[in-house]
PDB file of all heavy atoms in Angstrom:
ATOM      1  N   ASP A   1       0.867  -1.186  -0.035  1.00  0.00           N
ATOM      2  CA  ASP A   1      -0.051   0.011  -0.029  1.00  0.00           C
ATOM      3  C   ASP A   1       0.946   1.221  -0.051  1.00  0.00           C
ATOM      4  O   ASP A   1       2.098   1.158  -0.158  1.00  0.00           O
ATOM      5  CB  ASP A   1      -0.925   0.010   1.217  1.00  0.00           C
ATOM      6  CG  ASP A   1      -0.296  -0.069   2.571  1.00  0.00           C
ATOM      7  OD1 ASP A   1       0.857   0.412   2.644  1.00  0.00           O
ATOM      8  OD2 ASP A   1      -0.903  -0.629   3.465  1.00  0.00           O
ATOM      9  N   ALA A   2       0.330   2.411   0.023  1.00  0.00           N
ATOM     10  CA  ALA A   2       1.068   3.692   0.037  1.00  0.00           C
ATOM     11  C   ALA A   2       2.108   3.827   1.092  1.00  0.00           C
ATOM     12  O   ALA A   2       3.180   4.554   0.777  1.00  0.00           O
ATOM     13  CB  ALA A   2       0.165   4.770   0.114  1.00  0.00           C
ATOM     14  N   ASN A   3       1.999   3.120   2.296  1.00  0.00           N
ATOM     15  CA  ASN A   3       2.861   3.331   3.320  1.00  0.00           C
ATOM     16  C   ASN A   3       3.754   2.155   3.620  1.00  0.00           C
ATOM     17  O   ASN A   3       4.536   2.189   4.614  1.00  0.00           O
ATOM     18  CB  ASN A   3       2.155   3.711   4.629  1.00  0.00           C
ATOM     19  CG  ASN A   3       1.796   5.218   4.627  1.00  0.00           C
ATOM     20  OD1 ASN A   3       2.001   5.931   3.509  1.00  0.00           O
ATOM     21  ND2 ASN A   3       1.253   5.798   5.671  1.00  0.00           N
ATOM     22  N   SER A   4       3.609   1.036   2.948  1.00  0.00           N
ATOM     23  CA  SER A   4       4.445  -0.137   3.139  1.00  0.00           C
ATOM     24  C   SER A   4       5.847   0.064   2.632  1.00  0.00           C
ATOM     25  O   SER A   4       6.745  -0.920   2.969  1.00  0.00           O
ATOM     26  CB  SER A   4       3.830  -1.316   2.481  1.00  0.00           C
ATOM     27  OG  SER A   4       3.547  -1.197   1.129  1.00  0.00           O
ATOM     28  N   CYS A   5       6.103   1.095   2.076  1.00  0.00           N
ATOM     29  CA  CYS A   5       7.562   1.397   1.649  1.00  0.00           C
ATOM     30  C   CYS A   5       8.339   2.167   2.718  1.00  0.00           C
ATOM     31  O   CYS A   5       9.375   2.735   2.371  1.00  0.00           O
ATOM     32  CB  CYS A   5       7.586   2.081   0.255  1.00  0.00           C
ATOM     33  SG  CYS A   5       6.502   3.677   0.229  1.00  0.00           S
ATOM     34  N   TYR A   6       7.627   2.443   3.887  1.00  0.00           N
ATOM     35  CA  TYR A   6       8.299   3.096   4.986  1.00  0.00           C
ATOM     36  C   TYR A   6       8.495   2.214   6.080  1.00  0.00           C
ATOM     37  O   TYR A   6       7.896   1.212   6.369  1.00  0.00           O
ATOM     38  CB  TYR A   6       7.413   4.337   5.379  1.00  0.00           C
ATOM     39  CG  TYR A   6       7.214   5.432   4.316  1.00  0.00           C
ATOM     40  CD1 TYR A   6       6.281   5.334   3.440  1.00  0.00           C
ATOM     41  CD2 TYR A   6       8.077   6.508   4.191  1.00  0.00           C
ATOM     42  CE1 TYR A   6       5.937   6.355   2.477  1.00  0.00           C
ATOM     43  CE2 TYR A   6       7.890   7.415   3.359  1.00  0.00           C
ATOM     44  CZ  TYR A   6       6.870   7.423   2.452  1.00  0.00           C
ATOM     45  OH  TYR A   6       6.651   8.401   1.439  1.00  0.00           O
ATOM     46  N   LEU A   7       9.390   2.595   7.053  1.00  0.00           N
ATOM     47  CA  LEU A   7       9.539   1.710   8.237  1.00  0.00           C
ATOM     48  C   LEU A   7       8.532   1.990   9.289  1.00  0.00           C
ATOM     49  O   LEU A   7       7.961   3.063   9.475  1.00  0.00           O
ATOM     50  CB  LEU A   7      10.932   2.132   8.806  1.00  0.00           C
ATOM     51  CG  LEU A   7      12.115   1.693   8.132  1.00  0.00           C
ATOM     52  CD1 LEU A   7      13.459   2.041   8.945  1.00  0.00           C
ATOM     53  CD2 LEU A   7      12.231   0.170   7.756  1.00  0.00           C
ATOM     54  N   GLY A   8       8.238   0.775  10.040  1.00  0.00           N
ATOM     55  CA  GLY A   8       7.356   0.914  11.136  1.00  0.00           C
ATOM     56  C   GLY A   8       7.857   0.408  12.425  1.00  0.00           C
ATOM     57  O   GLY A   8       7.277   0.629  13.506  1.00  0.00           O
ATOM     58  N   GLU A   9       9.049  -0.220  12.339  1.00  0.00           N
ATOM     59  CA  GLU A   9       9.710  -0.623  13.647  1.00  0.00           C
ATOM     60  C   GLU A   9      11.174  -0.819  13.494  1.00  0.00           C
ATOM     61  O   GLU A   9      11.753  -1.001  12.399  1.00  0.00           O
ATOM     62  CB  GLU A   9       9.202  -2.078  13.939  1.00  0.00           C
ATOM     63  CG  GLU A   9       9.828  -2.800  15.068  1.00  0.00           C
ATOM     64  CD  GLU A   9       9.446  -4.288  15.231  1.00  0.00           C
ATOM     65  OE1 GLU A   9       8.723  -4.796  14.345  1.00  0.00           O
ATOM     66  OE2 GLU A   9       9.840  -4.859  16.205  1.00  0.00           O
ATOM     67  N   CYS A  10      11.858  -0.502  14.602  1.00  0.00           N
ATOM     68  CA  CYS A  10      13.226  -0.819  14.688  1.00  0.00           C
ATOM     69  C   CYS A  10      13.435  -1.505  16.082  1.00  0.00           C
ATOM     70  O   CYS A  10      12.977  -1.013  17.073  1.00  0.00           O
ATOM     71  CB  CYS A  10      14.155   0.474  14.635  1.00  0.00           C
ATOM     72  SG  CYS A  10      13.757   1.773  15.729  1.00  0.00           S
ATOM     73  N   ALA A  11      14.034  -2.681  16.011  1.00  0.00           N
ATOM     74  CA  ALA A  11      14.087  -3.478  17.123  1.00  0.00           C
ATOM     75  C   ALA A  11      15.570  -3.887  17.480  1.00  0.00           C
ATOM     76  O   ALA A  11      16.378  -4.117  16.680  1.00  0.00           O
ATOM     77  CB  ALA A  11      13.305  -4.857  16.923  1.00  0.00           C
ATOM     78  N   LEU A  12      15.849  -3.825  18.784  1.00  0.00           N
ATOM     79  CA  LEU A  12      17.155  -4.132  19.309  1.00  0.00           C
ATOM     80  C   LEU A  12      17.345  -5.564  19.867  1.00  0.00           C
ATOM     81  O   LEU A  12      16.558  -5.949  20.681  1.00  0.00           O
ATOM     82  CB  LEU A  12      17.511  -3.135  20.364  1.00  0.00           C
ATOM     83  CG  LEU A  12      17.424  -1.745  19.856  1.00  0.00           C
ATOM     84  CD1 LEU A  12      17.867  -0.687  21.070  1.00  0.00           C
ATOM     85  CD2 LEU A  12      18.385  -1.275  18.710  1.00  0.00           C
ATOM     86  N   VAL A  13      18.184  -6.372  19.250  1.00  0.00           N
ATOM     87  CA  VAL A  13      18.374  -7.772  19.794  1.00  0.00           C
ATOM     88  C   VAL A  13      19.822  -8.057  19.866  1.00  0.00           C
ATOM     89  O   VAL A  13      20.608  -7.826  18.866  1.00  0.00           O
ATOM     90  CB  VAL A  13      17.692  -8.798  18.761  1.00  0.00           C
ATOM     91  CG1 VAL A  13      17.850 -10.210  19.397  1.00  0.00           C
ATOM     92  CG2 VAL A  13      16.195  -8.457  18.668  1.00  0.00           C
ATOM     93  N   GLU A  14      20.371  -8.468  20.949  1.00  0.00           N
ATOM     94  CA  GLU A  14      21.768  -8.667  21.178  1.00  0.00           C
ATOM     95  C   GLU A  14      22.272  -9.946  20.350  1.00  0.00           C
ATOM     96  O   GLU A  14      21.585 -10.914  20.183  1.00  0.00           O
ATOM     97  CB  GLU A  14      22.180  -8.874  22.585  1.00  0.00           C
ATOM     98  CG  GLU A  14      22.101  -7.767  23.430  1.00  0.00           C
ATOM     99  CD  GLU A  14      22.755  -7.785  24.715  1.00  0.00           C
ATOM    100  OE1 GLU A  14      22.140  -8.482  25.664  1.00  0.00           O
ATOM    101  OE2 GLU A  14      23.873  -7.218  24.916  1.00  0.00           O
ATOM    102  N   ASN A  15      23.437  -9.752  19.761  1.00  0.00           N
ATOM    103  CA  ASN A  15      24.050 -10.947  19.041  1.00  0.00           C
ATOM    104  C   ASN A  15      24.376 -12.035  20.089  1.00  0.00           C
ATOM    105  O   ASN A  15      24.705 -13.150  19.666  1.00  0.00           O
ATOM    106  CB  ASN A  15      25.352 -10.405  18.363  1.00  0.00           C
ATOM    107  CG  ASN A  15      25.915 -11.532  17.468  1.00  0.00           C
ATOM    108  OD1 ASN A  15      25.297 -11.959  16.467  1.00  0.00           O
ATOM    109  ND2 ASN A  15      27.117 -12.004  17.937  1.00  0.00           N
ATOM    110  N   ASN A  16      24.412 -11.781  21.345  1.00  0.00           N
ATOM    111  CA  ASN A  16      24.777 -12.609  22.486  1.00  0.00           C
ATOM    112  C   ASN A  16      23.411 -13.244  23.054  1.00  0.00           C
ATOM    113  O   ASN A  16      23.410 -13.820  24.092  1.00  0.00           O
ATOM    114  CB  ASN A  16      25.494 -11.917  23.449  1.00  0.00           C
ATOM    115  CG  ASN A  16      26.080 -12.958  24.569  1.00  0.00           C
ATOM    116  OD1 ASN A  16      26.406 -13.996  24.226  1.00  0.00           O
ATOM    117  ND2 ASN A  16      26.113 -12.588  25.737  1.00  0.00           N
ATOM    118  N   SER A  17      22.339 -13.194  22.204  1.00  0.00           N
ATOM    119  CA  SER A  17      21.090 -13.654  22.688  1.00  0.00           C
ATOM    120  C   SER A  17      20.985 -15.324  22.542  1.00  0.00           C
ATOM    121  O   SER A  17      21.891 -15.805  21.887  1.00  0.00           O
ATOM    122  CB  SER A  17      19.942 -13.272  21.838  1.00  0.00           C
ATOM    123  OG  SER A  17      19.968 -13.866  20.545  1.00  0.00           O
ATOM    124  N   PRO A  18      20.173 -15.990  23.437  1.00  0.00           N
ATOM    125  CA  PRO A  18      20.153 -17.461  23.378  1.00  0.00           C
ATOM    126  C   PRO A  18      19.987 -18.019  21.945  1.00  0.00           C
ATOM    127  O   PRO A  18      20.504 -19.037  21.664  1.00  0.00           O
ATOM    128  CB  PRO A  18      19.033 -17.721  24.215  1.00  0.00           C
ATOM    129  CG  PRO A  18      18.935 -16.566  25.166  1.00  0.00           C
ATOM    130  CD  PRO A  18      19.263 -15.434  24.331  1.00  0.00           C
ATOM    131  N   ILE A  19      19.307 -17.349  21.070  1.00  0.00           N
ATOM    132  CA  ILE A  19      18.953 -17.885  19.784  1.00  0.00           C
ATOM    133  C   ILE A  19      20.238 -17.524  18.877  1.00  0.00           C
ATOM    134  O   ILE A  19      20.652 -18.558  18.182  1.00  0.00           O
ATOM    135  CB  ILE A  19      17.747 -17.221  19.081  1.00  0.00           C
ATOM    136  CG1 ILE A  19      16.546 -17.502  19.921  1.00  0.00           C
ATOM    137  CG2 ILE A  19      17.523 -17.711  17.680  1.00  0.00           C
ATOM    138  CD1 ILE A  19      15.245 -16.651  19.506  1.00  0.00           C
ATOM    139  N   ALA A  20      20.785 -16.493  18.932  1.00  0.00           N
ATOM    140  CA  ALA A  20      21.931 -16.145  18.085  1.00  0.00           C
ATOM    141  C   ALA A  20      23.159 -17.112  18.389  1.00  0.00           C
ATOM    142  O   ALA A  20      23.899 -17.500  17.609  1.00  0.00           O
ATOM    143  CB  ALA A  20      22.429 -14.753  18.355  1.00  0.00           C
ATOM    144  N   ASN A  21      23.307 -17.412  19.769  1.00  0.00           N
ATOM    145  CA  ASN A  21      24.418 -18.316  20.152  1.00  0.00           C
ATOM    146  C   ASN A  21      24.287 -19.649  19.706  1.00  0.00           C
ATOM    147  O   ASN A  21      25.298 -20.394  19.811  1.00  0.00           O
ATOM    148  CB  ASN A  21      24.379 -18.258  21.737  1.00  0.00           C
ATOM    149  CG  ASN A  21      24.902 -17.033  22.366  1.00  0.00           C
ATOM    150  OD1 ASN A  21      25.570 -16.229  21.645  1.00  0.00           O
ATOM    151  ND2 ASN A  21      24.613 -16.751  23.550  1.00  0.00           N
ATOM    152  N   MET A  22      23.110 -20.099  19.135  1.00  0.00           N
ATOM    153  CA  MET A  22      22.929 -21.362  18.537  1.00  0.00           C
ATOM    154  C   MET A  22      23.518 -21.431  17.048  1.00  0.00           C
ATOM    155  O   MET A  22      23.850 -22.604  16.558  1.00  0.00           O
ATOM    156  CB  MET A  22      21.447 -21.819  18.414  1.00  0.00           C
ATOM    157  CG  MET A  22      20.808 -22.132  19.701  1.00  0.00           C
ATOM    158  SD  MET A  22      19.136 -22.854  19.557  1.00  0.00           S
ATOM    159  CE  MET A  22      18.818 -23.432  21.147  1.00  0.00           C
ATOM    160  N   ASN A  23      23.815 -20.278  16.531  1.00  0.00           N
ATOM    161  CA  ASN A  23      24.432 -20.317  15.160  1.00  0.00           C
ATOM    162  C   ASN A  23      23.597 -20.956  14.134  1.00  0.00           C
ATOM    163  O   ASN A  23      24.130 -21.789  13.341  1.00  0.00           O
ATOM    164  CB  ASN A  23      25.904 -20.741  15.225  1.00  0.00           C
ATOM    165  CG  ASN A  23      26.741 -19.966  15.984  1.00  0.00           C
ATOM    166  OD1 ASN A  23      26.727 -18.723  15.805  1.00  0.00           O
ATOM    167  ND2 ASN A  23      27.653 -20.581  16.805  1.00  0.00           N
ATOM    168  N   LEU A  24      22.274 -20.913  14.283  1.00  0.00           N
ATOM    169  CA  LEU A  24      21.276 -21.614  13.350  1.00  0.00           C
ATOM    170  C   LEU A  24      20.464 -20.533  12.630  1.00  0.00           C
ATOM    171  O   LEU A  24      20.115 -19.443  13.173  1.00  0.00           O
ATOM    172  CB  LEU A  24      20.485 -22.571  14.111  1.00  0.00           C
ATOM    173  CG  LEU A  24      21.078 -23.804  14.698  1.00  0.00           C
ATOM    174  CD1 LEU A  24      20.090 -24.450  15.594  1.00  0.00           C
ATOM    175  CD2 LEU A  24      21.572 -24.735  13.653  1.00  0.00           C
ATOM    176  N   THR A  25      20.066 -20.843  11.490  1.00  0.00           N
ATOM    177  CA  THR A  25      19.096 -19.966  10.733  1.00  0.00           C
ATOM    178  C   THR A  25      17.786 -20.920  10.722  1.00  0.00           C
ATOM    179  O   THR A  25      17.810 -21.969  10.090  1.00  0.00           O
ATOM    180  CB  THR A  25      19.461 -19.576   9.459  1.00  0.00           C
ATOM    181  OG1 THR A  25      20.636 -18.785   9.435  1.00  0.00           O
ATOM    182  CG2 THR A  25      18.320 -18.894   8.626  1.00  0.00           C
ATOM    183  N   PHE A  26      16.827 -20.408  11.427  1.00  0.00           N
ATOM    184  CA  PHE A  26      15.577 -21.192  11.560  1.00  0.00           C
ATOM    185  C   PHE A  26      14.704 -21.046  10.378  1.00  0.00           C
ATOM    186  O   PHE A  26      13.732 -21.915  10.208  1.00  0.00           O
ATOM    187  CB  PHE A  26      14.857 -20.868  12.883  1.00  0.00           C
ATOM    188  CG  PHE A  26      15.538 -21.411  14.078  1.00  0.00           C
ATOM    189  CD1 PHE A  26      16.574 -20.724  14.665  1.00  0.00           C
ATOM    190  CD2 PHE A  26      15.119 -22.666  14.616  1.00  0.00           C
ATOM    191  CE1 PHE A  26      17.233 -21.092  15.789  1.00  0.00           C
ATOM    192  CE2 PHE A  26      15.719 -23.120  15.710  1.00  0.00           C
ATOM    193  CZ  PHE A  26      16.852 -22.403  16.350  1.00  0.00           C
ATOM    194  N   GLY A  27      14.819 -20.106   9.570  1.00  0.00           N
ATOM    195  CA  GLY A  27      13.998 -19.855   8.418  1.00  0.00           C
ATOM    196  C   GLY A  27      12.601 -19.447   8.748  1.00  0.00           C
ATOM    197  O   GLY A  27      11.628 -19.616   7.902  1.00  0.00           O
ATOM    198  N   THR A  28      12.410 -18.847   9.923  1.00  0.00           N
ATOM    199  CA  THR A  28      11.063 -18.247  10.182  1.00  0.00           C
ATOM    200  C   THR A  28      11.243 -16.983  10.945  1.00  0.00           C
ATOM    201  O   THR A  28      12.206 -16.915  11.915  1.00  0.00           O
ATOM    202  CB  THR A  28      10.186 -19.177  11.147  1.00  0.00           C
ATOM    203  OG1 THR A  28       9.066 -18.509  11.496  1.00  0.00           O
ATOM    204  CG2 THR A  28      10.933 -19.671  12.369  1.00  0.00           C
ATOM    205  N   THR A  29      10.634 -15.998  10.631  1.00  0.00           N
ATOM    206  CA  THR A  29      10.813 -14.623  11.137  1.00  0.00           C
ATOM    207  C   THR A  29      10.625 -14.601  12.640  1.00  0.00           C
ATOM    208  O   THR A  29      11.314 -13.916  13.476  1.00  0.00           O
ATOM    209  CB  THR A  29       9.988 -13.576  10.556  1.00  0.00           C
ATOM    210  OG1 THR A  29      10.197 -13.522   9.120  1.00  0.00           O
ATOM    211  CG2 THR A  29      10.189 -12.129  11.040  1.00  0.00           C
ATOM    212  N   LEU A  30       9.628 -15.419  13.060  1.00  0.00           N
ATOM    213  CA  LEU A  30       9.381 -15.557  14.467  1.00  0.00           C
ATOM    214  C   LEU A  30      10.639 -15.710  15.406  1.00  0.00           C
ATOM    215  O   LEU A  30      10.758 -15.050  16.436  1.00  0.00           O
ATOM    216  CB  LEU A  30       8.387 -16.578  14.804  1.00  0.00           C
ATOM    217  CG  LEU A  30       8.114 -16.978  16.250  1.00  0.00           C
ATOM    218  CD1 LEU A  30       7.503 -15.849  17.113  1.00  0.00           C
ATOM    219  CD2 LEU A  30       7.194 -18.201  16.357  1.00  0.00           C
ATOM    220  N   ILE A  31      11.526 -16.624  14.909  1.00  0.00           N
ATOM    221  CA  ILE A  31      12.553 -17.028  15.726  1.00  0.00           C
ATOM    222  C   ILE A  31      13.819 -16.141  15.191  1.00  0.00           C
ATOM    223  O   ILE A  31      14.500 -15.616  16.063  1.00  0.00           O
ATOM    224  CB  ILE A  31      12.959 -18.435  15.638  1.00  0.00           C
ATOM    225  CG1 ILE A  31      11.706 -19.318  16.201  1.00  0.00           C
ATOM    226  CG2 ILE A  31      14.211 -18.798  16.345  1.00  0.00           C
ATOM    227  CD1 ILE A  31      11.900 -20.800  16.007  1.00  0.00           C
ATOM    228  N   ASP A  32      14.087 -16.059  13.948  1.00  0.00           N
ATOM    229  CA  ASP A  32      15.243 -15.444  13.438  1.00  0.00           C
ATOM    230  C   ASP A  32      15.383 -13.878  13.811  1.00  0.00           C
ATOM    231  O   ASP A  32      16.281 -13.361  14.086  1.00  0.00           O
ATOM    232  CB  ASP A  32      15.356 -15.519  11.904  1.00  0.00           C
ATOM    233  CG  ASP A  32      15.764 -17.013  11.462  1.00  0.00           C
ATOM    234  OD1 ASP A  32      16.305 -17.707  12.348  1.00  0.00           O
ATOM    235  OD2 ASP A  32      15.416 -17.312  10.411  1.00  0.00           O
ATOM    236  N   GLU A  33      14.146 -13.258  13.981  1.00  0.00           N
ATOM    237  CA  GLU A  33      14.132 -11.803  14.335  1.00  0.00           C
ATOM    238  C   GLU A  33      14.608 -11.718  15.750  1.00  0.00           C
ATOM    239  O   GLU A  33      14.965 -10.639  16.127  1.00  0.00           O
ATOM    240  CB  GLU A  33      12.833 -11.179  14.126  1.00  0.00           C
ATOM    241  CG  GLU A  33      11.834 -11.642  15.046  1.00  0.00           C
ATOM    242  CD  GLU A  33      10.459 -10.757  15.077  1.00  0.00           C
ATOM    243  OE1 GLU A  33      10.393  -9.904  14.121  1.00  0.00           O
ATOM    244  OE2 GLU A  33       9.678 -10.841  15.992  1.00  0.00           O
ATOM    245  N   ASN A  34      14.516 -12.776  16.603  1.00  0.00           N
ATOM    246  CA  ASN A  34      14.922 -12.747  17.960  1.00  0.00           C
ATOM    247  C   ASN A  34      16.446 -13.106  18.175  1.00  0.00           C
ATOM    248  O   ASN A  34      16.791 -13.389  19.184  1.00  0.00           O
ATOM    249  CB  ASN A  34      14.046 -13.613  18.721  1.00  0.00           C
ATOM    250  CG  ASN A  34      12.617 -12.882  19.040  1.00  0.00           C
ATOM    251  OD1 ASN A  34      12.561 -11.916  19.741  1.00  0.00           O
ATOM    252  ND2 ASN A  34      11.636 -13.302  18.363  1.00  0.00           N
ATOM    253  N   ALA A  35      17.064 -13.347  17.015  1.00  0.00           N
ATOM    254  CA  ALA A  35      18.470 -13.617  17.017  1.00  0.00           C
ATOM    255  C   ALA A  35      19.303 -12.368  16.477  1.00  0.00           C
ATOM    256  O   ALA A  35      20.600 -12.444  16.291  1.00  0.00           O
ATOM    257  CB  ALA A  35      18.854 -14.827  16.293  1.00  0.00           C
ATOM    258  N   SER A  36      18.612 -11.376  16.026  1.00  0.00           N
ATOM    259  CA  SER A  36      19.284 -10.263  15.240  1.00  0.00           C
ATOM    260  C   SER A  36      18.451  -9.005  15.300  1.00  0.00           C
ATOM    261  O   SER A  36      17.204  -9.026  15.301  1.00  0.00           O
ATOM    262  CB  SER A  36      19.262 -10.728  13.762  1.00  0.00           C
ATOM    263  OG  SER A  36      19.690  -9.668  12.911  1.00  0.00           O
ATOM    264  N   CYS A  37      19.047  -7.888  15.441  1.00  0.00           N
ATOM    265  CA  CYS A  37      18.408  -6.675  15.331  1.00  0.00           C
ATOM    266  C   CYS A  37      17.725  -6.617  13.888  1.00  0.00           C
ATOM    267  O   CYS A  37      18.129  -7.164  13.003  1.00  0.00           O
ATOM    268  CB  CYS A  37      19.489  -5.427  15.323  1.00  0.00           C
ATOM    269  SG  CYS A  37      20.080  -5.022  16.878  1.00  0.00           S
TER     270      CYS A  37
END
């Protein structure tokens, strides 16, 4: 739509998070977004 080309969120997630420390790509935003800003 007219506004989907703009940002709506910026999220901070540590690279030292429990998910990031697994060194896995889960292939789902639900999990991968919690391993990465």
